[in-house]
Amino acid sequence: MAIIITDECINCGACEPECPNTAIYEGLEKWTYKQGTSLSGNVVLPNGNKVDSEIDNEPISDEVFFIVPDKCTECKGFHDEPQCAAVCPVDCCVPDDNNVESDDELLAKQKFMHD
């Protein structure tokens, strides 16, 4: 499953540089699928959604750092544990029950974004 940043976030920013998928953004920041991945142009995500990887998407949060679920792999293929959770001083990086994926799905997503 993806990780989510809860409202308890203190906006310290410790998590953002740790994400190997560039899936973490500061509140109010626009984001793209291309940032931090090998994606370019129009792509079909592993979940079947068709997106232009290069267009700006609206922020998911306007108050705290946020994680883009379609880019989060829980660091599978890079690390043994989610690095955002490992460095978070207030333990606000937690599993997202609304975005549950198996290890195989997370690894396939990682491979898709970084091939």
PDB file of N, CA and C in Angstrom:
ATOM      1  N   MET A   1       0.845  -1.173   0.000  1.00  0.00           N
ATOM      2  CA  MET A   1       0.000   0.000   0.000  1.00  0.00           C
ATOM      3  C   MET A   1       0.885   1.229   0.000  1.00  0.00           C
ATOM      4  N   ALA A   2       0.353   2.322  -0.420  1.00  0.00           N
ATOM      5  CA  ALA A   2       1.090   3.575  -0.396  1.00  0.00           C
ATOM      6  C   ALA A   2       1.162   4.084   1.046  1.00  0.00           C
ATOM      7  N   ILE A   3       2.012   5.063   1.228  1.00  0.00           N
ATOM      8  CA  ILE A   3       2.133   5.742   2.510  1.00  0.00           C
ATOM      9  C   ILE A   3       1.384   7.067   2.386  1.00  0.00           C
ATOM     10  N   ILE A   4       0.828   7.540   3.484  1.00  0.00           N
ATOM     11  CA  ILE A   4       0.159   8.830   3.519  1.00  0.00           C
ATOM     12  C   ILE A   4       0.772   9.651   4.652  1.00  0.00           C
ATOM     13  N   ILE A   5       0.779  10.956   4.482  1.00  0.00           N
ATOM     14  CA  ILE A   5       1.250  11.858   5.528  1.00  0.00           C
ATOM     15  C   ILE A   5       0.011  12.435   6.212  1.00  0.00           C
ATOM     16  N   THR A   6      -0.055  12.248   7.511  1.00  0.00           N
ATOM     17  CA  THR A   6      -1.230  12.694   8.267  1.00  0.00           C
ATOM     18  C   THR A   6      -1.147  14.185   8.599  1.00  0.00           C
ATOM     19  N   ASP A   7      -2.253  14.705   9.129  1.00  0.00           N
ATOM     20  CA  ASP A   7      -2.324  16.110   9.516  1.00  0.00           C
ATOM     21  C   ASP A   7      -1.395  16.462  10.676  1.00  0.00           C
ATOM     22  N   GLU A   8      -0.815  15.446  11.304  1.00  0.00           N
ATOM     23  CA  GLU A   8       0.131  15.711  12.393  1.00  0.00           C
ATOM     24  C   GLU A   8       1.486  16.185  11.867  1.00  0.00           C
ATOM     25  N   CYS A   9       1.664  16.209  10.549  1.00  0.00           N
ATOM     26  CA  CYS A   9       2.909  16.653   9.919  1.00  0.00           C
ATOM     27  C   CYS A   9       3.276  18.051  10.415  1.00  0.00           C
ATOM     28  N   ILE A  10       4.550  18.237  10.771  1.00  0.00           N
ATOM     29  CA  ILE A  10       5.033  19.539  11.235  1.00  0.00           C
ATOM     30  C   ILE A  10       5.770  20.291  10.127  1.00  0.00           C
ATOM     31  N   ASN A  11       5.684  19.782   8.903  1.00  0.00           N
ATOM     32  CA  ASN A  11       6.310  20.423   7.736  1.00  0.00           C
ATOM     33  C   ASN A  11       7.814  20.608   7.893  1.00  0.00           C
ATOM     34  N   CYS A  12       8.467  19.620   8.490  1.00  0.00           N
ATOM     35  CA  CYS A  12       9.921  19.718   8.668  1.00  0.00           C
ATOM     36  C   CYS A  12      10.668  19.440   7.373  1.00  0.00           C
ATOM     37  N   GLY A  13      10.048  18.664   6.469  1.00  0.00           N
ATOM     38  CA  GLY A  13      10.663  18.372   5.181  1.00  0.00           C
ATOM     39  C   GLY A  13      11.673  17.236   5.187  1.00  0.00           C
ATOM     40  N   ALA A  14      11.834  16.542   6.294  1.00  0.00           N
ATOM     41  CA  ALA A  14      12.817  15.456   6.380  1.00  0.00           C
ATOM     42  C   ALA A  14      12.515  14.335   5.391  1.00  0.00           C
ATOM     43  N   CYS A  15      11.245  14.103   5.104  1.00  0.00           N
ATOM     44  CA  CYS A  15      10.829  12.990   4.256  1.00  0.00           C
ATOM     45  C   CYS A  15      11.113  13.218   2.768  1.00  0.00           C
ATOM     46  N   GLU A  16      10.957  14.431   2.314  1.00  0.00           N
ATOM     47  CA  GLU A  16      11.001  14.723   0.881  1.00  0.00           C
ATOM     48  C   GLU A  16      12.276  14.234   0.179  1.00  0.00           C
ATOM     49  N   PRO A  17      13.473  14.560   0.673  1.00  0.00           N
ATOM     50  CA  PRO A  17      14.676  14.102  -0.033  1.00  0.00           C
ATOM     51  C   PRO A  17      14.941  12.603   0.071  1.00  0.00           C
ATOM     52  N   GLU A  18      14.245  11.934   0.975  1.00  0.00           N
ATOM     53  CA  GLU A  18      14.451  10.495   1.167  1.00  0.00           C
ATOM     54  C   GLU A  18      13.696   9.643   0.154  1.00  0.00           C
ATOM     55  N   CYS A  19      12.715  10.215  -0.531  1.00  0.00           N
ATOM     56  CA  CYS A  19      11.859   9.438  -1.426  1.00  0.00           C
ATOM     57  C   CYS A  19      12.552   9.141  -2.754  1.00  0.00           C
ATOM     58  N   PRO A  20      12.788   7.870  -3.052  1.00  0.00           N
ATOM     59  CA  PRO A  20      13.473   7.517  -4.302  1.00  0.00           C
ATOM     60  C   PRO A  20      12.599   7.686  -5.548  1.00  0.00           C
ATOM     61  N   ASN A  21      11.310   7.919  -5.351  1.00  0.00           N
ATOM     62  CA  ASN A  21      10.385   8.080  -6.479  1.00  0.00           C
ATOM     63  C   ASN A  21       9.950   9.530  -6.691  1.00  0.00           C
ATOM     64  N   THR A  22      10.465  10.430  -5.872  1.00  0.00           N
ATOM     65  CA  THR A  22      10.014  11.827  -5.884  1.00  0.00           C
ATOM     66  C   THR A  22       8.488  11.858  -5.815  1.00  0.00           C
ATOM     67  N   ALA A  23       7.953  11.142  -4.841  1.00  0.00           N
ATOM     68  CA  ALA A  23       6.502  11.077  -4.646  1.00  0.00           C
ATOM     69  C   ALA A  23       6.033  12.007  -3.546  1.00  0.00           C
ATOM     70  N   ILE A  24       6.963  12.679  -2.859  1.00  0.00           N
ATOM     71  CA  ILE A  24       6.614  13.543  -1.738  1.00  0.00           C
ATOM     72  C   ILE A  24       6.821  15.000  -2.141  1.00  0.00           C
ATOM     73  N   TYR A  25       5.809  15.802  -1.849  1.00  0.00           N
ATOM     74  CA  TYR A  25       5.845  17.223  -2.215  1.00  0.00           C
ATOM     75  C   TYR A  25       5.371  18.067  -1.047  1.00  0.00           C
ATOM     76  N   GLU A  26       5.853  19.301  -1.017  1.00  0.00           N
ATOM     77  CA  GLU A  26       5.425  20.249  -0.003  1.00  0.00           C
ATOM     78  C   GLU A  26       3.994  20.702  -0.296  1.00  0.00           C
ATOM     79  N   GLY A  27       3.224  20.963   0.747  1.00  0.00           N
ATOM     80  CA  GLY A  27       1.862  21.448   0.570  1.00  0.00           C
ATOM     81  C   GLY A  27       1.810  22.615  -0.406  1.00  0.00           C
ATOM     82  N   LEU A  28       0.797  22.632  -1.248  1.00  0.00           N
ATOM     83  CA  LEU A  28       0.568  23.633  -2.295  1.00  0.00           C
ATOM     84  C   LEU A  28       1.457  23.462  -3.526  1.00  0.00           C
ATOM     85  N   GLU A  29       2.382  22.497  -3.515  1.00  0.00           N
ATOM     86  CA  GLU A  29       3.289  22.320  -4.653  1.00  0.00           C
ATOM     87  C   GLU A  29       2.619  21.486  -5.751  1.00  0.00           C
ATOM     88  N   LYS A  30       2.687  21.973  -6.986  1.00  0.00           N
ATOM     89  CA  LYS A  30       2.225  21.177  -8.116  1.00  0.00           C
ATOM     90  C   LYS A  30       3.260  20.090  -8.371  1.00  0.00           C
ATOM     91  N   TRP A  31       2.831  18.995  -9.012  1.00  0.00           N
ATOM     92  CA  TRP A  31       3.716  17.846  -9.203  1.00  0.00           C
ATOM     93  C   TRP A  31       3.442  17.205 -10.551  1.00  0.00           C
ATOM     94  N   THR A  32       4.437  16.402 -11.014  1.00  0.00           N
ATOM     95  CA  THR A  32       4.280  15.648 -12.251  1.00  0.00           C
ATOM     96  C   THR A  32       4.690  14.200 -12.009  1.00  0.00           C
ATOM     97  N   TYR A  33       4.198  13.324 -12.869  1.00  0.00           N
ATOM     98  CA  TYR A  33       4.629  11.925 -12.807  1.00  0.00           C
ATOM     99  C   TYR A  33       6.075  11.795 -13.266  1.00  0.00           C
ATOM    100  N   LYS A  34       6.528  12.687 -14.125  1.00  0.00           N
ATOM    101  CA  LYS A  34       7.878  12.613 -14.683  1.00  0.00           C
ATOM    102  C   LYS A  34       8.965  12.893 -13.645  1.00  0.00           C
ATOM    103  N   GLN A  35       8.698  13.814 -12.718  1.00  0.00           N
ATOM    104  CA  GLN A  35       9.695  14.191 -11.725  1.00  0.00           C
ATOM    105  C   GLN A  35      10.227  12.968 -10.985  1.00  0.00           C
ATOM    106  N   GLY A  36      11.534  12.746 -11.074  1.00  0.00           N
ATOM    107  CA  GLY A  36      12.169  11.666 -10.339  1.00  0.00           C
ATOM    108  C   GLY A  36      11.952  10.277 -10.903  1.00  0.00           C
ATOM    109  N   THR A  37      11.381  10.189 -12.109  1.00  0.00           N
ATOM    110  CA  THR A  37      11.154   8.887 -12.748  1.00  0.00           C
ATOM    111  C   THR A  37      11.706   8.930 -14.169  1.00  0.00           C
ATOM    112  N   SER A  38      11.607   7.826 -14.872  1.00  0.00           N
ATOM    113  CA  SER A  38      12.014   7.792 -16.280  1.00  0.00           C
ATOM    114  C   SER A  38      10.814   7.969 -17.210  1.00  0.00           C
ATOM    115  N   LEU A  39       9.662   8.311 -16.658  1.00  0.00           N
ATOM    116  CA  LEU A  39       8.463   8.487 -17.468  1.00  0.00           C
ATOM    117  C   LEU A  39       8.552   9.760 -18.302  1.00  0.00           C
ATOM    118  N   SER A  40       7.954   9.717 -19.494  1.00  0.00           N
ATOM    119  CA  SER A  40       7.845  10.924 -20.309  1.00  0.00           C
ATOM    120  C   SER A  40       6.639  10.794 -21.224  1.00  0.00           C
ATOM    121  N   GLY A  41       6.024  11.927 -21.514  1.00  0.00           N
ATOM    122  CA  GLY A  41       4.872  11.947 -22.402  1.00  0.00           C
ATOM    123  C   GLY A  41       3.669  11.226 -21.829  1.00  0.00           C
ATOM    124  N   ASN A  42       2.807  10.755 -22.731  1.00  0.00           N
ATOM    125  CA  ASN A  42       1.595  10.038 -22.319  1.00  0.00           C
ATOM    126  C   ASN A  42       1.947   8.606 -21.935  1.00  0.00           C
ATOM    127  N   VAL A  43       1.448   8.188 -20.777  1.00  0.00           N
ATOM    128  CA  VAL A  43       1.703   6.831 -20.281  1.00  0.00           C
ATOM    129  C   VAL A  43       0.420   6.250 -19.687  1.00  0.00           C
ATOM    130  N   VAL A  44       0.383   4.935 -19.628  1.00  0.00           N
ATOM    131  CA  VAL A  44      -0.690   4.238 -18.925  1.00  0.00           C
ATOM    132  C   VAL A  44      -0.072   3.681 -17.645  1.00  0.00           C
ATOM    133  N   LEU A  45      -0.546   4.164 -16.517  1.00  0.00           N
ATOM    134  CA  LEU A  45      -0.023   3.727 -15.226  1.00  0.00           C
ATOM    135  C   LEU A  45      -0.396   2.268 -14.968  1.00  0.00           C
ATOM    136  N   PRO A  46       0.327   1.597 -14.086  1.00  0.00           N
ATOM    137  CA  PRO A  46      -0.004   0.205 -13.763  1.00  0.00           C
ATOM    138  C   PRO A  46      -1.455   0.004 -13.313  1.00  0.00           C
ATOM    139  N   ASN A  47      -2.077   1.041 -12.757  1.00  0.00           N
ATOM    140  CA  ASN A  47      -3.472   0.924 -12.327  1.00  0.00           C
ATOM    141  C   ASN A  47      -4.456   1.160 -13.472  1.00  0.00           C
ATOM    142  N   GLY A  48      -3.930   1.398 -14.694  1.00  0.00           N
ATOM    143  CA  GLY A  48      -4.772   1.577 -15.871  1.00  0.00           C
ATOM    144  C   GLY A  48      -5.097   3.013 -16.217  1.00  0.00           C
ATOM    145  N   ASN A  49      -4.783   3.946 -15.339  1.00  0.00           N
ATOM    146  CA  ASN A  49      -5.051   5.362 -15.613  1.00  0.00           C
ATOM    147  C   ASN A  49      -4.111   5.880 -16.690  1.00  0.00           C
ATOM    148  N   LYS A  50      -4.655   6.641 -17.624  1.00  0.00           N
ATOM    149  CA  LYS A  50      -3.860   7.273 -18.675  1.00  0.00           C
ATOM    150  C   LYS A  50      -3.551   8.694 -18.245  1.00  0.00           C
ATOM    151  N   VAL A  51      -2.259   9.064 -18.276  1.00  0.00           N
ATOM    152  CA  VAL A  51      -1.851  10.396 -17.848  1.00  0.00           C
ATOM    153  C   VAL A  51      -0.766  10.937 -18.773  1.00  0.00           C
ATOM    154  N   ASP A  52      -0.644  12.252 -18.800  1.00  0.00           N
ATOM    155  CA  ASP A  52       0.503  12.908 -19.423  1.00  0.00           C
ATOM    156  C   ASP A  52       1.491  13.128 -18.291  1.00  0.00           C
ATOM    157  N   SER A  53       2.609  12.447 -18.333  1.00  0.00           N
ATOM    158  CA  SER A  53       3.562  12.480 -17.224  1.00  0.00           C
ATOM    159  C   SER A  53       4.221  13.836 -17.037  1.00  0.00           C
ATOM    160  N   GLU A  54       4.078  14.708 -18.013  1.00  0.00           N
ATOM    161  CA  GLU A  54       4.801  15.978 -17.963  1.00  0.00           C
ATOM    162  C   GLU A  54       3.949  17.176 -17.550  1.00  0.00           C
ATOM    163  N   ILE A  55       2.638  16.981 -17.401  1.00  0.00           N
ATOM    164  CA  ILE A  55       1.805  18.126 -17.023  1.00  0.00           C
ATOM    165  C   ILE A  55       1.783  18.303 -15.504  1.00  0.00           C
ATOM    166  N   ASP A  56       1.608  19.539 -15.080  1.00  0.00           N
ATOM    167  CA  ASP A  56       1.495  19.828 -13.651  1.00  0.00           C
ATOM    168  C   ASP A  56       0.148  19.355 -13.129  1.00  0.00           C
ATOM    169  N   ASN A  57       0.189  18.679 -12.007  1.00  0.00           N
ATOM    170  CA  ASN A  57      -1.022  18.244 -11.315  1.00  0.00           C
ATOM    171  C   ASN A  57      -1.216  19.106 -10.077  1.00  0.00           C
ATOM    172  N   GLU A  58      -2.457  19.273  -9.688  1.00  0.00           N
ATOM    173  CA  GLU A  58      -2.768  20.090  -8.520  1.00  0.00           C
ATOM    174  C   GLU A  58      -2.268  19.414  -7.241  1.00  0.00           C
ATOM    175  N   PRO A  59      -1.891  20.211  -6.250  1.00  0.00           N
ATOM    176  CA  PRO A  59      -1.434  19.658  -4.971  1.00  0.00           C
ATOM    177  C   PRO A  59      -2.521  18.806  -4.314  1.00  0.00           C
ATOM    178  N   ILE A  60      -2.104  17.774  -3.617  1.00  0.00           N
ATOM    179  CA  ILE A  60      -3.037  16.921  -2.888  1.00  0.00           C
ATOM    180  C   ILE A  60      -3.380  17.555  -1.542  1.00  0.00           C
ATOM    181  N   SER A  61      -2.464  18.348  -1.002  1.00  0.00           N
ATOM    182  CA  SER A  61      -2.698  19.047   0.258  1.00  0.00           C
ATOM    183  C   SER A  61      -2.241  20.488   0.125  1.00  0.00           C
ATOM    184  N   ASP A  62      -2.934  21.362   0.800  1.00  0.00           N
ATOM    185  CA  ASP A  62      -2.503  22.759   0.807  1.00  0.00           C
ATOM    186  C   ASP A  62      -1.926  23.164   2.158  1.00  0.00           C
ATOM    187  N   GLU A  63      -1.796  22.195   3.056  1.00  0.00           N
ATOM    188  CA  GLU A  63      -1.312  22.520   4.396  1.00  0.00           C
ATOM    189  C   GLU A  63      -0.036  21.795   4.789  1.00  0.00           C
ATOM    190  N   VAL A  64       0.088  20.519   4.438  1.00  0.00           N
ATOM    191  CA  VAL A  64       1.248  19.726   4.859  1.00  0.00           C
ATOM    192  C   VAL A  64       1.838  19.001   3.657  1.00  0.00           C
ATOM    193  N   PHE A  65       3.037  18.463   3.850  1.00  0.00           N
ATOM    194  CA  PHE A  65       3.643  17.639   2.806  1.00  0.00           C
ATOM    195  C   PHE A  65       2.668  16.526   2.444  1.00  0.00           C
ATOM    196  N   PHE A  66       2.743  16.059   1.194  1.00  0.00           N
ATOM    197  CA  PHE A  66       1.847  14.985   0.764  1.00  0.00           C
ATOM    198  C   PHE A  66       2.602  14.000  -0.114  1.00  0.00           C
ATOM    199  N   ILE A  67       2.036  12.800  -0.226  1.00  0.00           N
ATOM    200  CA  ILE A  67       2.609  11.730  -1.038  1.00  0.00           C
ATOM    201  C   ILE A  67       1.622  11.412  -2.157  1.00  0.00           C
ATOM    202  N   VAL A  68       2.131  11.344  -3.390  1.00  0.00           N
ATOM    203  CA  VAL A  68       1.303  10.974  -4.533  1.00  0.00           C
ATOM    204  C   VAL A  68       1.196   9.447  -4.541  1.00  0.00           C
ATOM    205  N   PRO A  69       0.006   8.890  -4.286  1.00  0.00           N
ATOM    206  CA  PRO A  69      -0.133   7.435  -4.175  1.00  0.00           C
ATOM    207  C   PRO A  69       0.329   6.676  -5.428  1.00  0.00           C
ATOM    208  N   ASP A  70       0.072   7.224  -6.616  1.00  0.00           N
ATOM    209  CA  ASP A  70       0.472   6.531  -7.845  1.00  0.00           C
ATOM    210  C   ASP A  70       1.980   6.463  -8.021  1.00  0.00           C
ATOM    211  N   LYS A  71       2.740   7.266  -7.270  1.00  0.00           N
ATOM    212  CA  LYS A  71       4.200   7.244  -7.362  1.00  0.00           C
ATOM    213  C   LYS A  71       4.848   6.535  -6.178  1.00  0.00           C
ATOM    214  N   CYS A  72       4.096   6.302  -5.112  1.00  0.00           N
ATOM    215  CA  CYS A  72       4.654   5.687  -3.901  1.00  0.00           C
ATOM    216  C   CYS A  72       4.750   4.175  -4.059  1.00  0.00           C
ATOM    217  N   THR A  73       5.940   3.646  -3.790  1.00  0.00           N
ATOM    218  CA  THR A  73       6.156   2.199  -3.821  1.00  0.00           C
ATOM    219  C   THR A  73       6.581   1.669  -2.451  1.00  0.00           C
ATOM    220  N   GLU A  74       6.399   2.481  -1.416  1.00  0.00           N
ATOM    221  CA  GLU A  74       6.881   2.137  -0.074  1.00  0.00           C
ATOM    222  C   GLU A  74       8.371   1.830  -0.099  1.00  0.00           C
ATOM    223  N   CYS A  75       9.072   2.411  -1.062  1.00  0.00           N
ATOM    224  CA  CYS A  75      10.512   2.251  -1.260  1.00  0.00           C
ATOM    225  C   CYS A  75      10.899   0.841  -1.717  1.00  0.00           C
ATOM    226  N   LYS A  76       9.912   0.015  -2.099  1.00  0.00           N
ATOM    227  CA  LYS A  76      10.209  -1.332  -2.611  1.00  0.00           C
ATOM    228  C   LYS A  76      11.118  -1.198  -3.837  1.00  0.00           C
ATOM    229  N   GLY A  77      12.114  -2.055  -3.909  1.00  0.00           N
ATOM    230  CA  GLY A  77      13.076  -2.006  -4.996  1.00  0.00           C
ATOM    231  C   GLY A  77      14.243  -1.076  -4.709  1.00  0.00           C
ATOM    232  N   PHE A  78      14.154  -0.319  -3.627  1.00  0.00           N
ATOM    233  CA  PHE A  78      15.225   0.592  -3.227  1.00  0.00           C
ATOM    234  C   PHE A  78      15.721   0.312  -1.811  1.00  0.00           C
ATOM    235  N   HIS A  79      14.769   0.189  -0.871  1.00  0.00           N
ATOM    236  CA  HIS A  79      15.094   0.043   0.551  1.00  0.00           C
ATOM    237  C   HIS A  79      14.196  -1.016   1.184  1.00  0.00           C
ATOM    238  N   ASP A  80      14.574  -1.449   2.376  1.00  0.00           N
ATOM    239  CA  ASP A  80      13.804  -2.469   3.093  1.00  0.00           C
ATOM    240  C   ASP A  80      12.575  -1.916   3.792  1.00  0.00           C
ATOM    241  N   GLU A  81      12.520  -0.596   3.985  1.00  0.00           N
ATOM    242  CA  GLU A  81      11.384   0.028   4.650  1.00  0.00           C
ATOM    243  C   GLU A  81      11.154   1.408   4.050  1.00  0.00           C
ATOM    244  N   PRO A  82       9.953   1.939   4.192  1.00  0.00           N
ATOM    245  CA  PRO A  82       9.682   3.287   3.687  1.00  0.00           C
ATOM    246  C   PRO A  82      10.577   4.317   4.384  1.00  0.00           C
ATOM    247  N   GLN A  83      11.361   5.010   3.607  1.00  0.00           N
ATOM    248  CA  GLN A  83      12.315   5.948   4.173  1.00  0.00           C
ATOM    249  C   GLN A  83      11.653   7.179   4.779  1.00  0.00           C
ATOM    250  N   CYS A  84      10.513   7.584   4.247  1.00  0.00           N
ATOM    251  CA  CYS A  84       9.810   8.738   4.828  1.00  0.00           C
ATOM    252  C   CYS A  84       9.430   8.437   6.275  1.00  0.00           C
ATOM    253  N   ALA A  85       8.912   7.236   6.515  1.00  0.00           N
ATOM    254  CA  ALA A  85       8.515   6.844   7.869  1.00  0.00           C
ATOM    255  C   ALA A  85       9.734   6.714   8.776  1.00  0.00           C
ATOM    256  N   ALA A  86      10.843   6.238   8.214  1.00  0.00           N
ATOM    257  CA  ALA A  86      12.054   6.036   9.015  1.00  0.00           C
ATOM    258  C   ALA A  86      12.633   7.351   9.529  1.00  0.00           C
ATOM    259  N   VAL A  87      12.480   8.438   8.764  1.00  0.00           N
ATOM    260  CA  VAL A  87      13.080   9.707   9.178  1.00  0.00           C
ATOM    261  C   VAL A  87      12.088  10.682   9.805  1.00  0.00           C
ATOM    262  N   CYS A  88      10.810  10.373   9.784  1.00  0.00           N
ATOM    263  CA  CYS A  88       9.792  11.300  10.285  1.00  0.00           C
ATOM    264  C   CYS A  88       9.888  11.437  11.807  1.00  0.00           C
ATOM    265  N   PRO A  89      10.110  12.652  12.298  1.00  0.00           N
ATOM    266  CA  PRO A  89      10.260  12.826  13.751  1.00  0.00           C
ATOM    267  C   PRO A  89       8.947  12.748  14.529  1.00  0.00           C
ATOM    268  N   VAL A  90       7.805  12.819  13.838  1.00  0.00           N
ATOM    269  CA  VAL A  90       6.520  12.776  14.542  1.00  0.00           C
ATOM    270  C   VAL A  90       5.655  11.591  14.114  1.00  0.00           C
ATOM    271  N   ASP A  91       6.245  10.648  13.394  1.00  0.00           N
ATOM    272  CA  ASP A  91       5.552   9.426  12.981  1.00  0.00           C
ATOM    273  C   ASP A  91       4.243   9.687  12.251  1.00  0.00           C
ATOM    274  N   CYS A  92       4.273  10.639  11.302  1.00  0.00           N
ATOM    275  CA  CYS A  92       3.039  10.937  10.564  1.00  0.00           C
ATOM    276  C   CYS A  92       3.023  10.312   9.169  1.00  0.00           C
ATOM    277  N   CYS A  93       4.039   9.553   8.807  1.00  0.00           N
ATOM    278  CA  CYS A  93       4.058   8.813   7.542  1.00  0.00           C
ATOM    279  C   CYS A  93       3.603   7.391   7.849  1.00  0.00           C
ATOM    280  N   VAL A  94       2.357   7.100   7.482  1.00  0.00           N
ATOM    281  CA  VAL A  94       1.733   5.840   7.874  1.00  0.00           C
ATOM    282  C   VAL A  94       1.116   5.155   6.657  1.00  0.00           C
ATOM    283  N   PRO A  95       0.831   3.857   6.742  1.00  0.00           N
ATOM    284  CA  PRO A  95       0.174   3.164   5.623  1.00  0.00           C
ATOM    285  C   PRO A  95      -1.157   3.807   5.268  1.00  0.00           C
ATOM    286  N   ASP A  96      -1.410   3.901   3.972  1.00  0.00           N
ATOM    287  CA  ASP A  96      -2.648   4.495   3.455  1.00  0.00           C
ATOM    288  C   ASP A  96      -3.638   3.373   3.163  1.00  0.00           C
ATOM    289  N   ASP A  97      -4.607   3.211   4.031  1.00  0.00           N
ATOM    290  CA  ASP A  97      -5.591   2.136   3.889  1.00  0.00           C
ATOM    291  C   ASP A  97      -6.443   2.279   2.631  1.00  0.00           C
ATOM    292  N   ASN A  98      -6.452   3.457   2.021  1.00  0.00           N
ATOM    293  CA  ASN A  98      -7.223   3.669   0.791  1.00  0.00           C
ATOM    294  C   ASN A  98      -6.443   3.295  -0.466  1.00  0.00           C
ATOM    295  N   ASN A  99      -5.169   2.959  -0.311  1.00  0.00           N
ATOM    296  CA  ASN A  99      -4.324   2.585  -1.450  1.00  0.00           C
ATOM    297  C   ASN A  99      -3.499   1.358  -1.109  1.00  0.00           C
ATOM    298  N   VAL A 100      -4.159   0.211  -1.043  1.00  0.00           N
ATOM    299  CA  VAL A 100      -3.522  -1.037  -0.657  1.00  0.00           C
ATOM    300  C   VAL A 100      -3.004  -1.757  -1.904  1.00  0.00           C
ATOM    301  N   GLU A 101      -1.708  -2.100  -1.880  1.00  0.00           N
ATOM    302  CA  GLU A 101      -1.083  -2.833  -2.986  1.00  0.00           C
ATOM    303  C   GLU A 101      -0.182  -3.923  -2.417  1.00  0.00           C
ATOM    304  N   SER A 102      -0.044  -5.012  -3.144  1.00  0.00           N
ATOM    305  CA  SER A 102       0.835  -6.103  -2.714  1.00  0.00           C
ATOM    306  C   SER A 102       2.289  -5.716  -2.997  1.00  0.00           C
ATOM    307  N   ASP A 103       3.206  -6.483  -2.416  1.00  0.00           N
ATOM    308  CA  ASP A 103       4.627  -6.257  -2.694  1.00  0.00           C
ATOM    309  C   ASP A 103       4.901  -6.382  -4.188  1.00  0.00           C
ATOM    310  N   ASP A 104       4.290  -7.369  -4.842  1.00  0.00           N
ATOM    311  CA  ASP A 104       4.493  -7.554  -6.284  1.00  0.00           C
ATOM    312  C   ASP A 104       4.001  -6.341  -7.068  1.00  0.00           C
ATOM    313  N   GLU A 105       2.856  -5.782  -6.669  1.00  0.00           N
ATOM    314  CA  GLU A 105       2.334  -4.594  -7.350  1.00  0.00           C
ATOM    315  C   GLU A 105       3.248  -3.390  -7.139  1.00  0.00           C
ATOM    316  N   LEU A 106       3.764  -3.242  -5.916  1.00  0.00           N
ATOM    317  CA  LEU A 106       4.666  -2.134  -5.627  1.00  0.00           C
ATOM    318  C   LEU A 106       5.968  -2.264  -6.413  1.00  0.00           C
ATOM    319  N   LEU A 107       6.497  -3.467  -6.498  1.00  0.00           N
ATOM    320  CA  LEU A 107       7.727  -3.688  -7.275  1.00  0.00           C
ATOM    321  C   LEU A 107       7.502  -3.456  -8.756  1.00  0.00           C
ATOM    322  N   ALA A 108       6.335  -3.858  -9.266  1.00  0.00           N
ATOM    323  CA  ALA A 108       6.016  -3.621 -10.668  1.00  0.00           C
ATOM    324  C   ALA A 108       5.886  -2.120 -10.947  1.00  0.00           C
ATOM    325  N   LYS A 109       5.315  -1.386 -10.011  1.00  0.00           N
ATOM    326  CA  LYS A 109       5.196   0.061 -10.150  1.00  0.00           C
ATOM    327  C   LYS A 109       6.579   0.705 -10.164  1.00  0.00           C
ATOM    328  N   GLN A 110       7.454   0.238  -9.260  1.00  0.00           N
ATOM    329  CA  GLN A 110       8.817   0.756  -9.222  1.00  0.00           C
ATOM    330  C   GLN A 110       9.544   0.515 -10.530  1.00  0.00           C
ATOM    331  N   LYS A 111       9.412  -0.688 -11.056  1.00  0.00           N
ATOM    332  CA  LYS A 111      10.063  -1.041 -12.327  1.00  0.00           C
ATOM    333  C   LYS A 111       9.488  -0.187 -13.473  1.00  0.00           C
ATOM    334  N   PHE A 112       8.192   0.021 -13.477  1.00  0.00           N
ATOM    335  CA  PHE A 112       7.524   0.823 -14.492  1.00  0.00           C
ATOM    336  C   PHE A 112       8.065   2.271 -14.488  1.00  0.00           C
ATOM    337  N   MET A 113       8.238   2.822 -13.300  1.00  0.00           N
ATOM    338  CA  MET A 113       8.666   4.219 -13.218  1.00  0.00           C
ATOM    339  C   MET A 113      10.153   4.437 -13.461  1.00  0.00           C
ATOM    340  N   HIS A 114      10.950   3.369 -13.321  1.00  0.00           N
ATOM    341  CA  HIS A 114      12.394   3.553 -13.383  1.00  0.00           C
ATOM    342  C   HIS A 114      13.106   2.705 -14.429  1.00  0.00           C
ATOM    343  N   ASP A 115      12.379   2.224 -15.416  1.00  0.00           N
ATOM    344  CA  ASP A 115      13.031   1.486 -16.517  1.00  0.00           C
ATOM    345  C   ASP A 115      13.427   2.398 -17.631  1.00  0.00           C
TER     346      ASP A 115
END
